[in-house]
N, C-alpha and C. Protein backbone atom coordinates (compact mmCIF):
# COMPACT_ATOMS: atom_id res chain seq x y z
N MET A 1 -165.43 32.56 5.52
CA MET A 1 -166.27 31.72 4.70
C MET A 1 -167.64 31.63 5.34
N LYS A 2 -168.67 31.93 4.58
CA LYS A 2 -170.04 31.86 5.10
C LYS A 2 -170.56 30.45 4.93
N THR A 3 -171.37 30.03 5.89
CA THR A 3 -171.97 28.71 5.81
C THR A 3 -173.48 28.87 5.81
N LYS A 4 -174.17 27.84 5.40
CA LYS A 4 -175.63 27.88 5.34
C LYS A 4 -176.21 27.71 6.74
N PRO A 5 -177.31 28.40 7.02
CA PRO A 5 -177.97 28.22 8.31
C PRO A 5 -178.51 26.80 8.46
N SER A 6 -178.48 26.31 9.65
CA SER A 6 -179.07 25.00 9.88
C SER A 6 -180.27 25.16 10.81
N LYS A 7 -181.19 24.19 10.74
CA LYS A 7 -182.37 24.24 11.61
C LYS A 7 -181.94 24.16 13.07
N ILE A 8 -180.92 23.41 13.36
CA ILE A 8 -180.45 23.28 14.74
C ILE A 8 -179.99 24.62 15.27
N ASN A 9 -179.19 25.36 14.49
CA ASN A 9 -178.71 26.65 14.95
C ASN A 9 -179.83 27.65 15.09
N VAL A 10 -180.80 27.62 14.21
CA VAL A 10 -181.93 28.53 14.34
C VAL A 10 -182.64 28.27 15.67
N LEU A 11 -182.82 27.01 16.02
CA LEU A 11 -183.44 26.68 17.30
C LEU A 11 -182.56 27.11 18.46
N LEU A 12 -181.25 26.90 18.34
CA LEU A 12 -180.33 27.31 19.41
C LEU A 12 -180.37 28.82 19.60
N LEU A 13 -180.39 29.57 18.49
CA LEU A 13 -180.44 31.01 18.60
C LEU A 13 -181.75 31.48 19.21
N ALA A 14 -182.83 30.76 18.93
CA ALA A 14 -184.12 31.14 19.49
C ALA A 14 -184.13 30.97 21.00
N THR A 15 -183.36 30.00 21.50
CA THR A 15 -183.35 29.77 22.94
C THR A 15 -182.15 30.40 23.64
N ALA A 16 -181.18 30.87 22.84
CA ALA A 16 -179.99 31.46 23.44
C ALA A 16 -180.28 32.86 23.95
N THR A 17 -179.50 33.29 24.90
CA THR A 17 -179.60 34.66 25.37
C THR A 17 -178.86 35.54 24.38
N VAL A 18 -179.55 36.51 23.85
CA VAL A 18 -178.95 37.44 22.90
C VAL A 18 -178.68 38.74 23.65
N LEU A 19 -177.55 39.34 23.35
CA LEU A 19 -177.20 40.60 24.00
C LEU A 19 -178.20 41.67 23.60
N VAL A 20 -178.95 42.16 24.56
CA VAL A 20 -179.92 43.20 24.27
C VAL A 20 -179.87 44.22 25.39
N ALA A 21 -179.79 45.47 25.02
CA ALA A 21 -179.83 46.52 26.03
C ALA A 21 -180.71 47.64 25.52
N VAL A 22 -181.77 47.90 26.23
CA VAL A 22 -182.55 49.09 25.95
C VAL A 22 -182.08 50.04 27.03
N PHE A 23 -181.30 51.04 26.61
CA PHE A 23 -180.61 51.74 27.66
C PHE A 23 -180.98 53.20 27.78
N SER A 24 -182.28 53.46 27.85
CA SER A 24 -182.65 54.81 28.22
C SER A 24 -182.13 55.08 29.63
N SER A 25 -182.04 54.03 30.44
CA SER A 25 -181.51 54.19 31.79
C SER A 25 -180.01 54.46 31.78
N PHE A 26 -179.29 54.06 30.70
CA PHE A 26 -177.87 54.32 30.59
C PHE A 26 -177.59 55.71 30.04
N THR A 27 -178.58 56.29 29.35
CA THR A 27 -178.40 57.58 28.73
C THR A 27 -178.54 58.66 29.78
N THR A 28 -177.51 59.44 29.97
CA THR A 28 -177.56 60.50 30.97
C THR A 28 -178.26 61.71 30.40
N ASP A 29 -178.69 62.61 31.29
CA ASP A 29 -179.30 63.85 30.83
C ASP A 29 -178.32 64.62 29.97
N LYS A 30 -177.02 64.56 30.33
CA LYS A 30 -175.99 65.25 29.58
C LYS A 30 -175.92 64.70 28.15
N ALA A 31 -175.90 63.38 28.02
CA ALA A 31 -175.84 62.76 26.69
C ALA A 31 -177.10 63.09 25.91
N SER A 32 -178.24 63.02 26.57
CA SER A 32 -179.50 63.31 25.91
C SER A 32 -179.53 64.74 25.41
N ALA A 33 -179.08 65.66 26.24
CA ALA A 33 -179.06 67.07 25.86
C ALA A 33 -178.07 67.32 24.73
N ALA A 34 -176.92 66.68 24.81
CA ALA A 34 -175.87 66.90 23.81
C ALA A 34 -176.26 66.39 22.44
N TYR A 35 -176.93 65.26 22.37
CA TYR A 35 -177.22 64.63 21.10
C TYR A 35 -178.68 64.73 20.69
N GLY A 36 -179.54 65.24 21.55
CA GLY A 36 -180.95 65.31 21.23
C GLY A 36 -181.57 63.94 21.15
N ILE A 37 -181.05 63.00 21.92
CA ILE A 37 -181.53 61.63 21.86
C ILE A 37 -182.25 61.30 23.16
N GLU A 38 -183.47 60.85 23.03
CA GLU A 38 -184.25 60.48 24.19
C GLU A 38 -184.03 59.01 24.53
N LEU A 39 -183.94 58.18 23.52
CA LEU A 39 -183.81 56.74 23.76
C LEU A 39 -182.97 56.13 22.66
N TRP A 40 -182.03 55.28 23.05
CA TRP A 40 -181.26 54.49 22.10
C TRP A 40 -181.52 53.04 22.41
N GLN A 41 -181.65 52.24 21.41
CA GLN A 41 -181.77 50.80 21.62
C GLN A 41 -180.60 50.16 20.89
N ILE A 42 -179.91 49.30 21.59
CA ILE A 42 -178.80 48.61 20.97
C ILE A 42 -178.93 47.13 21.28
N SER A 43 -178.80 46.33 20.26
CA SER A 43 -178.71 44.90 20.48
C SER A 43 -177.82 44.33 19.40
N VAL A 44 -177.15 43.28 19.72
CA VAL A 44 -176.33 42.59 18.73
C VAL A 44 -177.00 41.26 18.51
N VAL A 45 -177.40 41.01 17.27
CA VAL A 45 -178.11 39.78 16.95
C VAL A 45 -177.28 39.00 15.95
N PRO A 46 -176.85 37.80 16.32
CA PRO A 46 -176.07 37.02 15.37
C PRO A 46 -176.94 36.47 14.26
N SER A 47 -176.40 36.45 13.06
CA SER A 47 -177.08 35.77 11.97
C SER A 47 -176.81 34.28 12.13
N PRO A 48 -177.78 33.44 11.82
CA PRO A 48 -177.55 32.01 12.01
C PRO A 48 -176.44 31.48 11.12
N MET A 49 -175.51 30.80 11.71
CA MET A 49 -174.42 30.16 10.97
C MET A 49 -174.21 28.78 11.58
N ASP A 50 -173.73 27.87 10.81
CA ASP A 50 -173.52 26.52 11.30
C ASP A 50 -172.50 26.50 12.43
N GLU A 51 -172.87 25.86 13.50
CA GLU A 51 -171.97 25.49 14.58
C GLU A 51 -171.13 26.61 15.17
N VAL A 52 -171.68 27.79 15.33
CA VAL A 52 -170.98 28.85 16.05
C VAL A 52 -171.20 28.58 17.53
N GLU A 53 -170.15 28.10 18.17
CA GLU A 53 -170.27 27.71 19.58
C GLU A 53 -170.17 28.90 20.52
N LYS A 54 -169.33 29.85 20.17
CA LYS A 54 -169.14 31.03 21.01
C LYS A 54 -169.23 32.25 20.11
N MET A 55 -170.14 33.14 20.42
CA MET A 55 -170.34 34.34 19.61
C MET A 55 -169.21 35.34 19.87
N PRO A 56 -168.94 36.21 18.90
CA PRO A 56 -167.94 37.25 19.10
C PRO A 56 -168.32 38.14 20.28
N GLU A 57 -167.30 38.71 20.94
CA GLU A 57 -167.55 39.60 22.07
C GLU A 57 -166.81 40.91 21.87
N TYR A 58 -167.51 42.01 22.15
CA TYR A 58 -166.90 43.33 22.10
C TYR A 58 -165.88 43.41 23.24
N PRO A 59 -164.71 44.04 23.03
CA PRO A 59 -163.71 44.11 24.10
C PRO A 59 -164.26 44.86 25.32
N GLY A 60 -164.20 44.23 26.47
CA GLY A 60 -164.73 44.83 27.69
C GLY A 60 -166.18 44.48 27.94
N GLY A 61 -166.82 43.78 26.99
CA GLY A 61 -168.19 43.33 27.18
C GLY A 61 -169.23 44.28 26.63
N HIS A 62 -170.46 43.91 26.86
CA HIS A 62 -171.60 44.64 26.31
C HIS A 62 -171.65 46.09 26.80
N GLN A 63 -171.41 46.30 28.09
CA GLN A 63 -171.47 47.67 28.62
C GLN A 63 -170.41 48.55 27.98
N ALA A 64 -169.24 47.99 27.70
CA ALA A 64 -168.19 48.76 27.03
C ALA A 64 -168.63 49.16 25.63
N MET A 65 -169.37 48.28 24.94
CA MET A 65 -169.89 48.61 23.62
C MET A 65 -170.92 49.73 23.72
N VAL A 66 -171.80 49.65 24.69
CA VAL A 66 -172.80 50.69 24.91
C VAL A 66 -172.09 52.03 25.16
N ASP A 67 -171.08 52.03 26.02
CA ASP A 67 -170.33 53.24 26.33
C ASP A 67 -169.66 53.81 25.08
N PHE A 68 -169.08 52.93 24.26
CA PHE A 68 -168.43 53.35 23.02
C PHE A 68 -169.43 54.04 22.10
N ILE A 69 -170.60 53.45 21.96
CA ILE A 69 -171.61 54.01 21.06
C ILE A 69 -172.12 55.35 21.59
N ILE A 70 -172.38 55.43 22.89
CA ILE A 70 -172.84 56.69 23.49
C ILE A 70 -171.81 57.79 23.25
N LYS A 71 -170.54 57.45 23.42
CA LYS A 71 -169.46 58.43 23.26
C LYS A 71 -169.30 58.87 21.80
N ASN A 72 -169.50 57.98 20.86
CA ASN A 72 -169.16 58.25 19.47
C ASN A 72 -170.32 58.61 18.55
N LEU A 73 -171.53 58.19 18.87
CA LEU A 73 -172.67 58.44 17.98
C LEU A 73 -173.14 59.89 18.10
N LYS A 74 -173.28 60.54 16.96
CA LYS A 74 -173.77 61.92 16.91
C LYS A 74 -175.06 61.92 16.09
N TYR A 75 -176.08 62.58 16.61
CA TYR A 75 -177.34 62.69 15.86
C TYR A 75 -177.09 63.67 14.72
N PRO A 76 -177.23 63.26 13.46
CA PRO A 76 -176.92 64.15 12.34
C PRO A 76 -177.78 65.41 12.34
N GLU A 77 -177.15 66.54 12.02
CA GLU A 77 -177.86 67.82 11.99
C GLU A 77 -179.02 67.81 11.00
N ALA A 78 -178.82 67.20 9.83
CA ALA A 78 -179.90 67.13 8.83
C ALA A 78 -181.09 66.36 9.39
N ALA A 79 -180.82 65.31 10.13
CA ALA A 79 -181.91 64.52 10.73
C ALA A 79 -182.64 65.33 11.79
N LYS A 80 -181.88 66.08 12.60
CA LYS A 80 -182.51 66.93 13.61
C LYS A 80 -183.39 67.97 12.93
N LYS A 81 -182.83 68.64 11.93
CA LYS A 81 -183.54 69.72 11.23
C LYS A 81 -184.83 69.22 10.60
N ASN A 82 -184.80 68.02 10.02
CA ASN A 82 -185.96 67.46 9.33
C ASN A 82 -186.79 66.52 10.19
N ASN A 83 -186.49 66.49 11.50
CA ASN A 83 -187.23 65.65 12.46
C ASN A 83 -187.26 64.18 12.02
N VAL A 84 -186.12 63.68 11.52
CA VAL A 84 -186.02 62.29 11.08
C VAL A 84 -185.71 61.41 12.29
N GLN A 85 -186.55 60.41 12.49
CA GLN A 85 -186.39 59.47 13.59
C GLN A 85 -186.68 58.07 13.07
N GLY A 86 -186.18 57.08 13.77
CA GLY A 86 -186.46 55.70 13.38
C GLY A 86 -185.28 54.80 13.67
N GLN A 87 -185.34 53.61 13.09
CA GLN A 87 -184.33 52.60 13.36
C GLN A 87 -183.47 52.34 12.14
N VAL A 88 -182.15 52.31 12.37
CA VAL A 88 -181.19 51.95 11.35
C VAL A 88 -180.61 50.60 11.76
N ILE A 89 -180.65 49.64 10.85
CA ILE A 89 -180.08 48.32 11.17
C ILE A 89 -178.82 48.15 10.33
N ILE A 90 -177.73 47.87 11.03
CA ILE A 90 -176.42 47.69 10.40
C ILE A 90 -176.03 46.22 10.48
N SER A 91 -175.53 45.71 9.37
CA SER A 91 -175.00 44.35 9.31
C SER A 91 -173.49 44.47 9.18
N PHE A 92 -172.76 43.59 9.88
CA PHE A 92 -171.31 43.57 9.76
C PHE A 92 -170.80 42.18 10.10
N VAL A 93 -169.57 41.94 9.73
CA VAL A 93 -168.94 40.66 10.02
C VAL A 93 -167.81 40.89 11.01
N VAL A 94 -167.78 40.07 12.05
CA VAL A 94 -166.61 40.02 12.93
C VAL A 94 -165.81 38.84 12.39
N ASP A 95 -164.66 39.14 11.78
CA ASP A 95 -163.91 38.06 11.13
C ASP A 95 -163.12 37.23 12.14
N LYS A 96 -162.47 36.20 11.65
CA LYS A 96 -161.77 35.27 12.53
C LYS A 96 -160.60 35.91 13.27
N ASN A 97 -160.20 37.14 12.85
CA ASN A 97 -159.18 37.89 13.58
C ASN A 97 -159.80 38.92 14.52
N GLY A 98 -161.13 39.00 14.54
CA GLY A 98 -161.83 39.94 15.42
C GLY A 98 -162.09 41.30 14.79
N LYS A 99 -161.65 41.49 13.56
CA LYS A 99 -161.84 42.78 12.90
C LYS A 99 -163.28 42.92 12.39
N VAL A 100 -163.79 44.14 12.48
CA VAL A 100 -165.12 44.45 11.96
C VAL A 100 -164.96 44.78 10.48
N LYS A 101 -165.73 44.09 9.63
CA LYS A 101 -165.64 44.33 8.18
C LYS A 101 -167.02 44.16 7.55
N ASP A 102 -167.10 44.47 6.27
CA ASP A 102 -168.34 44.33 5.49
C ASP A 102 -169.52 45.02 6.17
N VAL A 103 -169.32 46.26 6.61
CA VAL A 103 -170.37 47.02 7.29
C VAL A 103 -171.35 47.55 6.24
N LYS A 104 -172.64 47.22 6.43
CA LYS A 104 -173.68 47.59 5.46
C LYS A 104 -174.95 48.02 6.19
N VAL A 105 -175.71 48.89 5.53
CA VAL A 105 -177.02 49.28 6.04
C VAL A 105 -178.03 48.25 5.54
N VAL A 106 -178.71 47.59 6.47
CA VAL A 106 -179.76 46.64 6.12
C VAL A 106 -181.08 47.39 5.95
N SER A 107 -181.32 48.32 6.85
CA SER A 107 -182.54 49.12 6.83
C SER A 107 -182.17 50.51 7.34
N GLY A 108 -182.51 51.54 6.58
CA GLY A 108 -182.11 52.88 6.97
C GLY A 108 -183.25 53.86 6.99
N ILE A 109 -182.91 55.09 7.46
CA ILE A 109 -183.91 56.16 7.55
C ILE A 109 -183.43 57.44 6.87
N GLY A 110 -182.20 57.47 6.40
CA GLY A 110 -181.68 58.62 5.67
C GLY A 110 -181.29 59.79 6.54
N SER A 111 -181.11 60.95 5.90
CA SER A 111 -180.74 62.21 6.54
C SER A 111 -179.45 62.12 7.35
N GLY A 112 -178.55 61.24 6.95
CA GLY A 112 -177.27 61.10 7.63
C GLY A 112 -177.23 60.07 8.73
N CYS A 113 -178.39 59.56 9.14
CA CYS A 113 -178.44 58.57 10.23
C CYS A 113 -177.78 57.25 9.82
N ASP A 114 -178.04 56.82 8.59
CA ASP A 114 -177.45 55.57 8.10
C ASP A 114 -175.93 55.66 8.10
N GLU A 115 -175.42 56.75 7.54
CA GLU A 115 -173.97 56.95 7.47
C GLU A 115 -173.35 57.05 8.85
N GLU A 116 -174.05 57.68 9.77
CA GLU A 116 -173.52 57.83 11.13
C GLU A 116 -173.44 56.48 11.83
N ALA A 117 -174.45 55.66 11.69
CA ALA A 117 -174.42 54.32 12.30
C ALA A 117 -173.28 53.48 11.70
N VAL A 118 -173.11 53.55 10.37
CA VAL A 118 -172.01 52.83 9.71
C VAL A 118 -170.67 53.34 10.24
N ARG A 119 -170.52 54.65 10.35
CA ARG A 119 -169.26 55.24 10.83
C ARG A 119 -168.89 54.72 12.22
N VAL A 120 -169.88 54.66 13.09
CA VAL A 120 -169.61 54.22 14.47
C VAL A 120 -169.23 52.74 14.49
N VAL A 121 -169.92 51.91 13.73
CA VAL A 121 -169.57 50.48 13.69
C VAL A 121 -168.17 50.29 13.10
N GLN A 122 -167.85 51.03 12.03
CA GLN A 122 -166.52 50.91 11.43
C GLN A 122 -165.41 51.36 12.37
N ALA A 123 -165.74 52.25 13.30
CA ALA A 123 -164.74 52.76 14.24
C ALA A 123 -164.51 51.82 15.44
N MET A 124 -165.32 50.78 15.56
CA MET A 124 -165.17 49.86 16.70
C MET A 124 -163.81 49.17 16.67
N PRO A 125 -163.27 48.94 17.86
CA PRO A 125 -162.02 48.17 17.93
C PRO A 125 -162.29 46.70 17.61
N ALA A 126 -161.22 45.94 17.47
CA ALA A 126 -161.35 44.51 17.20
C ALA A 126 -162.09 43.82 18.35
N TRP A 127 -162.92 42.87 17.98
CA TRP A 127 -163.67 42.06 18.93
C TRP A 127 -162.90 40.78 19.21
N THR A 128 -163.32 40.05 20.23
CA THR A 128 -162.86 38.67 20.40
C THR A 128 -163.68 37.86 19.42
N PRO A 129 -163.04 37.13 18.50
CA PRO A 129 -163.81 36.44 17.45
C PRO A 129 -164.68 35.31 17.99
N GLY A 130 -165.68 34.96 17.20
CA GLY A 130 -166.51 33.80 17.51
C GLY A 130 -165.74 32.53 17.19
N THR A 131 -166.17 31.42 17.77
CA THR A 131 -165.48 30.16 17.51
C THR A 131 -166.46 29.06 17.12
N SER A 132 -165.93 28.12 16.36
CA SER A 132 -166.64 26.93 15.97
C SER A 132 -165.65 25.78 16.01
N LYS A 133 -165.99 24.74 16.73
CA LYS A 133 -165.12 23.58 16.88
C LYS A 133 -163.71 23.98 17.33
N GLY A 134 -163.67 24.98 18.21
CA GLY A 134 -162.39 25.43 18.76
C GLY A 134 -161.59 26.36 17.87
N LYS A 135 -162.10 26.70 16.69
CA LYS A 135 -161.38 27.58 15.77
C LYS A 135 -162.14 28.88 15.60
N ALA A 136 -161.40 29.97 15.44
CA ALA A 136 -162.01 31.27 15.18
C ALA A 136 -162.68 31.25 13.81
N VAL A 137 -163.88 31.85 13.72
CA VAL A 137 -164.64 31.89 12.47
C VAL A 137 -165.22 33.28 12.26
N ASP A 138 -165.55 33.60 11.01
CA ASP A 138 -166.27 34.82 10.67
C ASP A 138 -167.72 34.67 11.11
N VAL A 139 -168.28 35.72 11.72
CA VAL A 139 -169.68 35.69 12.15
C VAL A 139 -170.33 37.00 11.73
N GLU A 140 -171.45 36.90 11.03
CA GLU A 140 -172.21 38.07 10.65
C GLU A 140 -173.09 38.49 11.81
N MET A 141 -173.11 39.80 12.08
CA MET A 141 -173.88 40.34 13.19
C MET A 141 -174.79 41.44 12.66
N LYS A 142 -175.84 41.75 13.42
CA LYS A 142 -176.71 42.88 13.11
C LYS A 142 -176.82 43.74 14.36
N LEU A 143 -176.75 45.04 14.14
CA LEU A 143 -176.81 45.99 15.25
C LEU A 143 -177.81 47.08 14.92
N PRO A 144 -178.98 47.11 15.61
CA PRO A 144 -179.95 48.17 15.35
C PRO A 144 -179.66 49.41 16.19
N PHE A 145 -179.80 50.57 15.57
CA PHE A 145 -179.67 51.85 16.26
C PHE A 145 -181.03 52.55 16.17
N ALA A 146 -181.58 52.95 17.29
CA ALA A 146 -182.85 53.70 17.28
C ALA A 146 -182.53 55.18 17.46
N PHE A 147 -182.84 55.97 16.46
CA PHE A 147 -182.66 57.42 16.51
C PHE A 147 -184.00 58.03 16.89
N LYS A 148 -184.04 58.69 18.04
CA LYS A 148 -185.28 59.31 18.50
C LYS A 148 -184.94 60.65 19.12
N LEU A 149 -185.57 61.68 18.62
CA LEU A 149 -185.33 63.01 19.13
C LEU A 149 -186.04 63.22 20.45
N ASP A 150 -185.38 63.92 21.35
CA ASP A 150 -185.98 64.33 22.60
C ASP A 150 -187.05 65.37 22.25
N ASP A 151 -188.25 65.22 22.81
CA ASP A 151 -189.35 66.15 22.52
C ASP A 151 -188.94 67.60 22.80
N LYS A 152 -188.07 67.80 23.78
CA LYS A 152 -187.63 69.16 24.15
C LYS A 152 -186.75 69.76 23.06
N LYS A 153 -186.13 68.93 22.21
CA LYS A 153 -185.19 69.41 21.19
C LYS A 153 -185.87 69.74 19.88
N LYS A 154 -187.13 69.36 19.72
CA LYS A 154 -187.82 69.57 18.43
C LYS A 154 -188.11 71.04 18.20
């Protein structure tokens, strides 16, 4: 069940630490060479919801999510061929059972990048659900993927 955003939660989210990793430092030369990716940016940004006390967590933590994405994300051939680069933003819900559902493209760049980002999010294992007042709740999340070709691969 979705709830309306409150001013209090918007303020809390503005001051809360949001999981953000710009991980060009996590991307190995091997991964960069294999996928033609110079830089990936991943962050999970919660959508404001009333009284979400504890945000959902990827199993094993943020680094495990980064590792999962590095292992599973493939730069689409059509995007490589057409030099398509940019950011794809995916919205999804971590439900009260921890399952990832309602995966949608909020902002896309085409050439297979949107579908690839959706595929990777849909393949994620169950998360630890978010809680409100001690009960598990559905929480909408946003996950941006930055597709950027390595200059050497162009």
